[in-house]
């Protein structure tokens, strides 16, 4: 774990990713498309550094000039 790396709750993950469904996050974890959380007793937390790396690795969308932007 990186120095000063926070452990994020599922609520933190939903806020950071913009997803609204816990089920979506767990589906991504099961499909190996999202970082695996660490288990702390009965709770799970995600390493902030891993979640940030996942976000940074997402493709950047570009919009065509003919599309709507509003």
PDB file of N, CA and C in Angstrom:
ATOM      1  N   UNK A   1       0.850  -1.172   0.000  1.00  0.00           N
ATOM      2  CA  UNK A   1       0.000   0.000   0.000  1.00  0.00           C
ATOM      3  C   UNK A   1       0.899   1.240   0.000  1.00  0.00           C
ATOM      4  N   UNK A   2       0.572   2.196  -0.811  1.00  0.00           N
ATOM      5  CA  UNK A   2       1.358   3.415  -0.917  1.00  0.00           C
ATOM      6  C   UNK A   2       1.266   4.214   0.380  1.00  0.00           C
ATOM      7  N   UNK A   3       2.321   4.968   0.662  1.00  0.00           N
ATOM      8  CA  UNK A   3       2.311   5.810   1.853  1.00  0.00           C
ATOM      9  C   UNK A   3       1.150   6.790   1.767  1.00  0.00           C
ATOM     10  N   UNK A   4       0.438   6.973   2.863  1.00  0.00           N
ATOM     11  CA  UNK A   4      -0.718   7.857   2.944  1.00  0.00           C
ATOM     12  C   UNK A   4      -1.876   7.392   2.067  1.00  0.00           C
ATOM     13  N   UNK A   5      -1.910   6.109   1.710  1.00  0.00           N
ATOM     14  CA  UNK A   5      -2.997   5.557   0.906  1.00  0.00           C
ATOM     15  C   UNK A   5      -4.197   5.321   1.814  1.00  0.00           C
ATOM     16  N   UNK A   6      -5.311   5.931   1.472  1.00  0.00           N
ATOM     17  CA  UNK A   6      -6.523   5.758   2.270  1.00  0.00           C
ATOM     18  C   UNK A   6      -7.240   4.485   1.858  1.00  0.00           C
ATOM     19  N   UNK A   7      -8.049   3.962   2.755  1.00  0.00           N
ATOM     20  CA  UNK A   7      -8.919   2.845   2.443  1.00  0.00           C
ATOM     21  C   UNK A   7     -10.321   3.403   2.261  1.00  0.00           C
ATOM     22  N   UNK A   8     -10.916   3.121   1.121  1.00  0.00           N
ATOM     23  CA  UNK A   8     -12.205   3.706   0.751  1.00  0.00           C
ATOM     24  C   UNK A   8     -13.349   2.736   0.996  1.00  0.00           C
ATOM     25  N   UNK A   9     -14.457   3.287   1.441  1.00  0.00           N
ATOM     26  CA  UNK A   9     -15.676   2.495   1.621  1.00  0.00           C
ATOM     27  C   UNK A   9     -16.402   2.360   0.289  1.00  0.00           C
ATOM     28  N   UNK A  10     -17.404   1.524   0.258  1.00  0.00           N
ATOM     29  CA  UNK A  10     -18.199   1.378  -0.952  1.00  0.00           C
ATOM     30  C   UNK A  10     -18.877   2.698  -1.316  1.00  0.00           C
ATOM     31  N   UNK A  11     -19.309   3.451  -0.325  1.00  0.00           N
ATOM     32  CA  UNK A  11     -19.899   4.772  -0.597  1.00  0.00           C
ATOM     33  C   UNK A  11     -18.887   5.696  -1.254  1.00  0.00           C
ATOM     34  N   UNK A  12     -17.637   5.648  -0.772  1.00  0.00           N
ATOM     35  CA  UNK A  12     -16.573   6.438  -1.392  1.00  0.00           C
ATOM     36  C   UNK A  12     -16.377   6.025  -2.849  1.00  0.00           C
ATOM     37  N   UNK A  13     -16.425   4.719  -3.103  1.00  0.00           N
ATOM     38  CA  UNK A  13     -16.236   4.185  -4.455  1.00  0.00           C
ATOM     39  C   UNK A  13     -17.352   4.680  -5.370  1.00  0.00           C
ATOM     40  N   UNK A  14     -18.572   4.640  -4.894  1.00  0.00           N
ATOM     41  CA  UNK A  14     -19.707   5.102  -5.695  1.00  0.00           C
ATOM     42  C   UNK A  14     -19.540   6.590  -6.020  1.00  0.00           C
ATOM     43  N   UNK A  15     -19.112   7.383  -5.052  1.00  0.00           N
ATOM     44  CA  UNK A  15     -18.889   8.812  -5.287  1.00  0.00           C
ATOM     45  C   UNK A  15     -17.767   9.045  -6.296  1.00  0.00           C
ATOM     46  N   UNK A  16     -16.672   8.301  -6.147  1.00  0.00           N
ATOM     47  CA  UNK A  16     -15.501   8.495  -7.003  1.00  0.00           C
ATOM     48  C   UNK A  16     -15.748   8.071  -8.447  1.00  0.00           C
ATOM     49  N   UNK A  17     -16.551   7.026  -8.631  1.00  0.00           N
ATOM     50  CA  UNK A  17     -16.750   6.486  -9.977  1.00  0.00           C
ATOM     51  C   UNK A  17     -17.977   7.047 -10.677  1.00  0.00           C
ATOM     52  N   UNK A  18     -18.919   7.555  -9.912  1.00  0.00           N
ATOM     53  CA  UNK A  18     -20.159   8.024 -10.513  1.00  0.00           C
ATOM     54  C   UNK A  18     -21.197   6.930 -10.683  1.00  0.00           C
ATOM     55  N   UNK A  19     -20.811   5.692 -10.374  1.00  0.00           N
ATOM     56  CA  UNK A  19     -21.806   4.614 -10.414  1.00  0.00           C
ATOM     57  C   UNK A  19     -22.770   4.812  -9.258  1.00  0.00           C
ATOM     58  N   UNK A  20     -24.006   4.392  -9.451  1.00  0.00           N
ATOM     59  CA  UNK A  20     -25.012   4.550  -8.392  1.00  0.00           C
ATOM     60  C   UNK A  20     -25.388   3.234  -7.745  1.00  0.00           C
ATOM     61  N   UNK A  21     -24.904   2.141  -8.312  1.00  0.00           N
ATOM     62  CA  UNK A  21     -25.320   0.829  -7.850  1.00  0.00           C
ATOM     63  C   UNK A  21     -24.159   0.047  -7.247  1.00  0.00           C
ATOM     64  N   UNK A  22     -24.371  -0.449  -6.047  1.00  0.00           N
ATOM     65  CA  UNK A  22     -23.393  -1.325  -5.414  1.00  0.00           C
ATOM     66  C   UNK A  22     -23.217  -2.595  -6.246  1.00  0.00           C
ATOM     67  N   UNK A  23     -24.309  -3.046  -6.821  1.00  0.00           N
ATOM     68  CA  UNK A  23     -24.278  -4.250  -7.644  1.00  0.00           C
ATOM     69  C   UNK A  23     -23.343  -4.076  -8.830  1.00  0.00           C
ATOM     70  N   UNK A  24     -23.334  -2.901  -9.422  1.00  0.00           N
ATOM     71  CA  UNK A  24     -22.446  -2.629 -10.558  1.00  0.00           C
ATOM     72  C   UNK A  24     -20.990  -2.784 -10.144  1.00  0.00           C
ATOM     73  N   UNK A  25     -20.623  -2.221  -9.005  1.00  0.00           N
ATOM     74  CA  UNK A  25     -19.248  -2.316  -8.526  1.00  0.00           C
ATOM     75  C   UNK A  25     -18.868  -3.771  -8.302  1.00  0.00           C
ATOM     76  N   UNK A  26     -19.733  -4.517  -7.623  1.00  0.00           N
ATOM     77  CA  UNK A  26     -19.416  -5.921  -7.342  1.00  0.00           C
ATOM     78  C   UNK A  26     -19.372  -6.750  -8.623  1.00  0.00           C
ATOM     79  N   UNK A  27     -20.191  -6.418  -9.599  1.00  0.00           N
ATOM     80  CA  UNK A  27     -20.138  -7.118 -10.890  1.00  0.00           C
ATOM     81  C   UNK A  27     -18.801  -6.859 -11.580  1.00  0.00           C
ATOM     82  N   UNK A  28     -18.323  -5.626 -11.526  1.00  0.00           N
ATOM     83  CA  UNK A  28     -17.031  -5.288 -12.109  1.00  0.00           C
ATOM     84  C   UNK A  28     -15.890  -6.009 -11.380  1.00  0.00           C
ATOM     85  N   UNK A  29     -15.978  -6.106 -10.065  1.00  0.00           N
ATOM     86  CA  UNK A  29     -14.958  -6.816  -9.283  1.00  0.00           C
ATOM     87  C   UNK A  29     -14.931  -8.285  -9.705  1.00  0.00           C
ATOM     88  N   UNK A  30     -16.108  -8.910  -9.787  1.00  0.00           N
ATOM     89  CA  UNK A  30     -16.180 -10.330 -10.167  1.00  0.00           C
ATOM     90  C   UNK A  30     -15.657 -10.572 -11.572  1.00  0.00           C
ATOM     91  N   UNK A  31     -15.821  -9.589 -12.459  1.00  0.00           N
ATOM     92  CA  UNK A  31     -15.359  -9.716 -13.847  1.00  0.00           C
ATOM     93  C   UNK A  31     -13.892  -9.284 -13.999  1.00  0.00           C
ATOM     94  N   UNK A  32     -13.206  -9.025 -12.874  1.00  0.00           N
ATOM     95  CA  UNK A  32     -11.809  -8.561 -12.891  1.00  0.00           C
ATOM     96  C   UNK A  32     -11.641  -7.268 -13.678  1.00  0.00           C
ATOM     97  N   UNK A  33     -12.647  -6.396 -13.602  1.00  0.00           N
ATOM     98  CA  UNK A  33     -12.593  -5.115 -14.301  1.00  0.00           C
ATOM     99  C   UNK A  33     -12.560  -3.935 -13.330  1.00  0.00           C
ATOM    100  N   UNK A  34     -12.394  -4.231 -12.038  1.00  0.00           N
ATOM    101  CA  UNK A  34     -12.308  -3.209 -10.997  1.00  0.00           C
ATOM    102  C   UNK A  34     -11.421  -3.772  -9.890  1.00  0.00           C
ATOM    103  N   UNK A  35     -10.691  -2.928  -9.186  1.00  0.00           N
ATOM    104  CA  UNK A  35      -9.797  -3.432  -8.130  1.00  0.00           C
ATOM    105  C   UNK A  35     -10.532  -4.269  -7.085  1.00  0.00           C
ATOM    106  N   UNK A  36      -9.854  -5.298  -6.636  1.00  0.00           N
ATOM    107  CA  UNK A  36     -10.393  -6.177  -5.598  1.00  0.00           C
ATOM    108  C   UNK A  36     -10.197  -5.491  -4.246  1.00  0.00           C
ATOM    109  N   UNK A  37     -11.223  -5.475  -3.413  1.00  0.00           N
ATOM    110  CA  UNK A  37     -11.080  -4.835  -2.101  1.00  0.00           C
ATOM    111  C   UNK A  37     -10.289  -5.710  -1.133  1.00  0.00           C
ATOM    112  N   UNK A  38      -9.842  -5.095  -0.051  1.00  0.00           N
ATOM    113  CA  UNK A  38      -9.218  -5.836   1.039  1.00  0.00           C
ATOM    114  C   UNK A  38     -10.285  -6.065   2.102  1.00  0.00           C
ATOM    115  N   UNK A  39     -10.208  -7.208   2.756  1.00  0.00           N
ATOM    116  CA  UNK A  39     -11.183  -7.534   3.800  1.00  0.00           C
ATOM    117  C   UNK A  39     -10.589  -7.171   5.147  1.00  0.00           C
ATOM    118  N   UNK A  40     -11.351  -6.397   5.903  1.00  0.00           N
ATOM    119  CA  UNK A  40     -10.984  -6.018   7.267  1.00  0.00           C
ATOM    120  C   UNK A  40     -12.086  -6.510   8.185  1.00  0.00           C
ATOM    121  N   UNK A  41     -11.843  -7.655   8.785  1.00  0.00           N
ATOM    122  CA  UNK A  41     -12.860  -8.285   9.622  1.00  0.00           C
ATOM    123  C   UNK A  41     -14.079  -8.591   8.759  1.00  0.00           C
ATOM    124  N   UNK A  42     -15.199  -7.961   9.011  1.00  0.00           N
ATOM    125  CA  UNK A  42     -16.406  -8.184   8.191  1.00  0.00           C
ATOM    126  C   UNK A  42     -16.611  -7.096   7.144  1.00  0.00           C
ATOM    127  N   UNK A  43     -15.708  -6.162   7.115  1.00  0.00           N
ATOM    128  CA  UNK A  43     -15.846  -5.030   6.190  1.00  0.00           C
ATOM    129  C   UNK A  43     -14.867  -5.165   5.040  1.00  0.00           C
ATOM    130  N   UNK A  44     -15.182  -4.469   3.960  1.00  0.00           N
ATOM    131  CA  UNK A  44     -14.251  -4.413   2.834  1.00  0.00           C
ATOM    132  C   UNK A  44     -13.940  -2.954   2.539  1.00  0.00           C
ATOM    133  N   UNK A  45     -12.719  -2.731   2.092  1.00  0.00           N
ATOM    134  CA  UNK A  45     -12.275  -1.395   1.722  1.00  0.00           C
ATOM    135  C   UNK A  45     -11.406  -1.518   0.482  1.00  0.00           C
ATOM    136  N   UNK A  46     -11.377  -0.451  -0.291  1.00  0.00           N
ATOM    137  CA  UNK A  46     -10.545  -0.399  -1.493  1.00  0.00           C
ATOM    138  C   UNK A  46      -9.385   0.534  -1.249  1.00  0.00           C
ATOM    139  N   UNK A  47      -8.220   0.186  -1.767  1.00  0.00           N
ATOM    140  CA  UNK A  47      -7.057   1.074  -1.693  1.00  0.00           C
ATOM    141  C   UNK A  47      -7.278   2.231  -2.664  1.00  0.00           C
ATOM    142  N   UNK A  48      -7.172   3.430  -2.146  1.00  0.00           N
ATOM    143  CA  UNK A  48      -7.408   4.618  -2.967  1.00  0.00           C
ATOM    144  C   UNK A  48      -6.479   4.643  -4.179  1.00  0.00           C
ATOM    145  N   UNK A  49      -5.230   4.255  -3.997  1.00  0.00           N
ATOM    146  CA  UNK A  49      -4.270   4.289  -5.110  1.00  0.00           C
ATOM    147  C   UNK A  49      -4.706   3.362  -6.247  1.00  0.00           C
ATOM    148  N   UNK A  50      -5.271   2.206  -5.910  1.00  0.00           N
ATOM    149  CA  UNK A  50      -5.720   1.274  -6.947  1.00  0.00           C
ATOM    150  C   UNK A  50      -6.949   1.805  -7.677  1.00  0.00           C
ATOM    151  N   UNK A  51      -7.845   2.433  -6.943  1.00  0.00           N
ATOM    152  CA  UNK A  51      -9.044   2.999  -7.561  1.00  0.00           C
ATOM    153  C   UNK A  51      -8.663   4.175  -8.455  1.00  0.00           C
ATOM    154  N   UNK A  52      -7.760   5.021  -7.999  1.00  0.00           N
ATOM    155  CA  UNK A  52      -7.305   6.153  -8.823  1.00  0.00           C
ATOM    156  C   UNK A  52      -6.614   5.654 -10.094  1.00  0.00           C
ATOM    157  N   UNK A  53      -5.812   4.598  -9.975  1.00  0.00           N
ATOM    158  CA  UNK A  53      -5.148   4.027 -11.158  1.00  0.00           C
ATOM    159  C   UNK A  53      -6.184   3.478 -12.136  1.00  0.00           C
ATOM    160  N   UNK A  54      -7.239   2.859 -11.619  1.00  0.00           N
ATOM    161  CA  UNK A  54      -8.312   2.331 -12.468  1.00  0.00           C
ATOM    162  C   UNK A  54      -8.999   3.483 -13.204  1.00  0.00           C
ATOM    163  N   UNK A  55      -9.295   4.551 -12.492  1.00  0.00           N
ATOM    164  CA  UNK A  55      -9.942   5.719 -13.100  1.00  0.00           C
ATOM    165  C   UNK A  55      -9.029   6.322 -14.167  1.00  0.00           C
ATOM    166  N   UNK A  56      -7.744   6.460 -13.849  1.00  0.00           N
ATOM    167  CA  UNK A  56      -6.789   7.038 -14.808  1.00  0.00           C
ATOM    168  C   UNK A  56      -6.653   6.196 -16.068  1.00  0.00           C
ATOM    169  N   UNK A  57      -6.874   4.888 -15.947  1.00  0.00           N
ATOM    170  CA  UNK A  57      -6.727   3.984 -17.090  1.00  0.00           C
ATOM    171  C   UNK A  57      -7.970   3.951 -17.988  1.00  0.00           C
ATOM    172  N   UNK A  58      -9.055   4.574 -17.552  1.00  0.00           N
ATOM    173  CA  UNK A  58     -10.265   4.586 -18.379  1.00  0.00           C
ATOM    174  C   UNK A  58     -10.011   5.369 -19.656  1.00  0.00           C
ATOM    175  N   UNK A  59     -10.571   4.920 -20.775  1.00  0.00           N
ATOM    176  CA  UNK A  59     -10.384   5.679 -22.013  1.00  0.00           C
ATOM    177  C   UNK A  59     -11.073   7.035 -21.914  1.00  0.00           C
ATOM    178  N   UNK A  60     -10.435   8.008 -22.493  1.00  0.00           N
ATOM    179  CA  UNK A  60     -11.029   9.354 -22.521  1.00  0.00           C
ATOM    180  C   UNK A  60     -11.956   9.429 -23.724  1.00  0.00           C
ATOM    181  N   UNK A  61     -13.165   9.875 -23.495  1.00  0.00           N
ATOM    182  CA  UNK A  61     -14.116  10.005 -24.594  1.00  0.00           C
ATOM    183  C   UNK A  61     -13.946  11.352 -25.246  1.00  0.00           C
ATOM    184  N   UNK A  62     -14.037  11.344 -26.549  1.00  0.00           N
ATOM    185  CA  UNK A  62     -14.026  12.597 -27.301  1.00  0.00           C
ATOM    186  C   UNK A  62     -15.341  12.670 -28.057  1.00  0.00           C
ATOM    187  N   UNK A  63     -15.788  13.850 -28.292  1.00  0.00           N
ATOM    188  CA  UNK A  63     -17.024  14.068 -28.983  1.00  0.00           C
ATOM    189  C   UNK A  63     -16.733  14.603 -30.378  1.00  0.00           C
ATOM    190  N   UNK A  64     -17.508  14.142 -31.328  1.00  0.00           N
ATOM    191  CA  UNK A  64     -17.315  14.651 -32.685  1.00  0.00           C
ATOM    192  C   UNK A  64     -17.840  16.080 -32.737  1.00  0.00           C
ATOM    193  N   UNK A  65     -17.333  16.871 -33.666  1.00  0.00           N
ATOM    194  CA  UNK A  65     -17.734  18.260 -33.742  1.00  0.00           C
ATOM    195  C   UNK A  65     -19.190  18.402 -34.177  1.00  0.00           C
ATOM    196  N   UNK A  66     -19.730  17.416 -34.836  1.00  0.00           N
ATOM    197  CA  UNK A  66     -21.110  17.513 -35.285  1.00  0.00           C
ATOM    198  C   UNK A  66     -22.128  17.121 -34.213  1.00  0.00           C
ATOM    199  N   UNK A  67     -21.646  16.570 -33.084  1.00  0.00           N
ATOM    200  CA  UNK A  67     -22.573  16.107 -32.045  1.00  0.00           C
ATOM    201  C   UNK A  67     -23.060  17.219 -31.166  1.00  0.00           C
ATOM    202  N   UNK A  68     -24.115  16.915 -30.404  1.00  0.00           N
ATOM    203  CA  UNK A  68     -24.635  17.889 -29.436  1.00  0.00           C
ATOM    204  C   UNK A  68     -23.792  17.871 -28.187  1.00  0.00           C
ATOM    205  N   UNK A  69     -23.638  18.998 -27.567  1.00  0.00           N
ATOM    206  CA  UNK A  69     -22.819  19.107 -26.379  1.00  0.00           C
ATOM    207  C   UNK A  69     -23.605  19.642 -25.171  1.00  0.00           C
ATOM    208  N   UNK A  70     -24.906  19.817 -25.293  1.00  0.00           N
ATOM    209  CA  UNK A  70     -25.625  20.437 -24.189  1.00  0.00           C
ATOM    210  C   UNK A  70     -26.291  19.485 -23.301  1.00  0.00           C
TER     211      UNK A  70
END
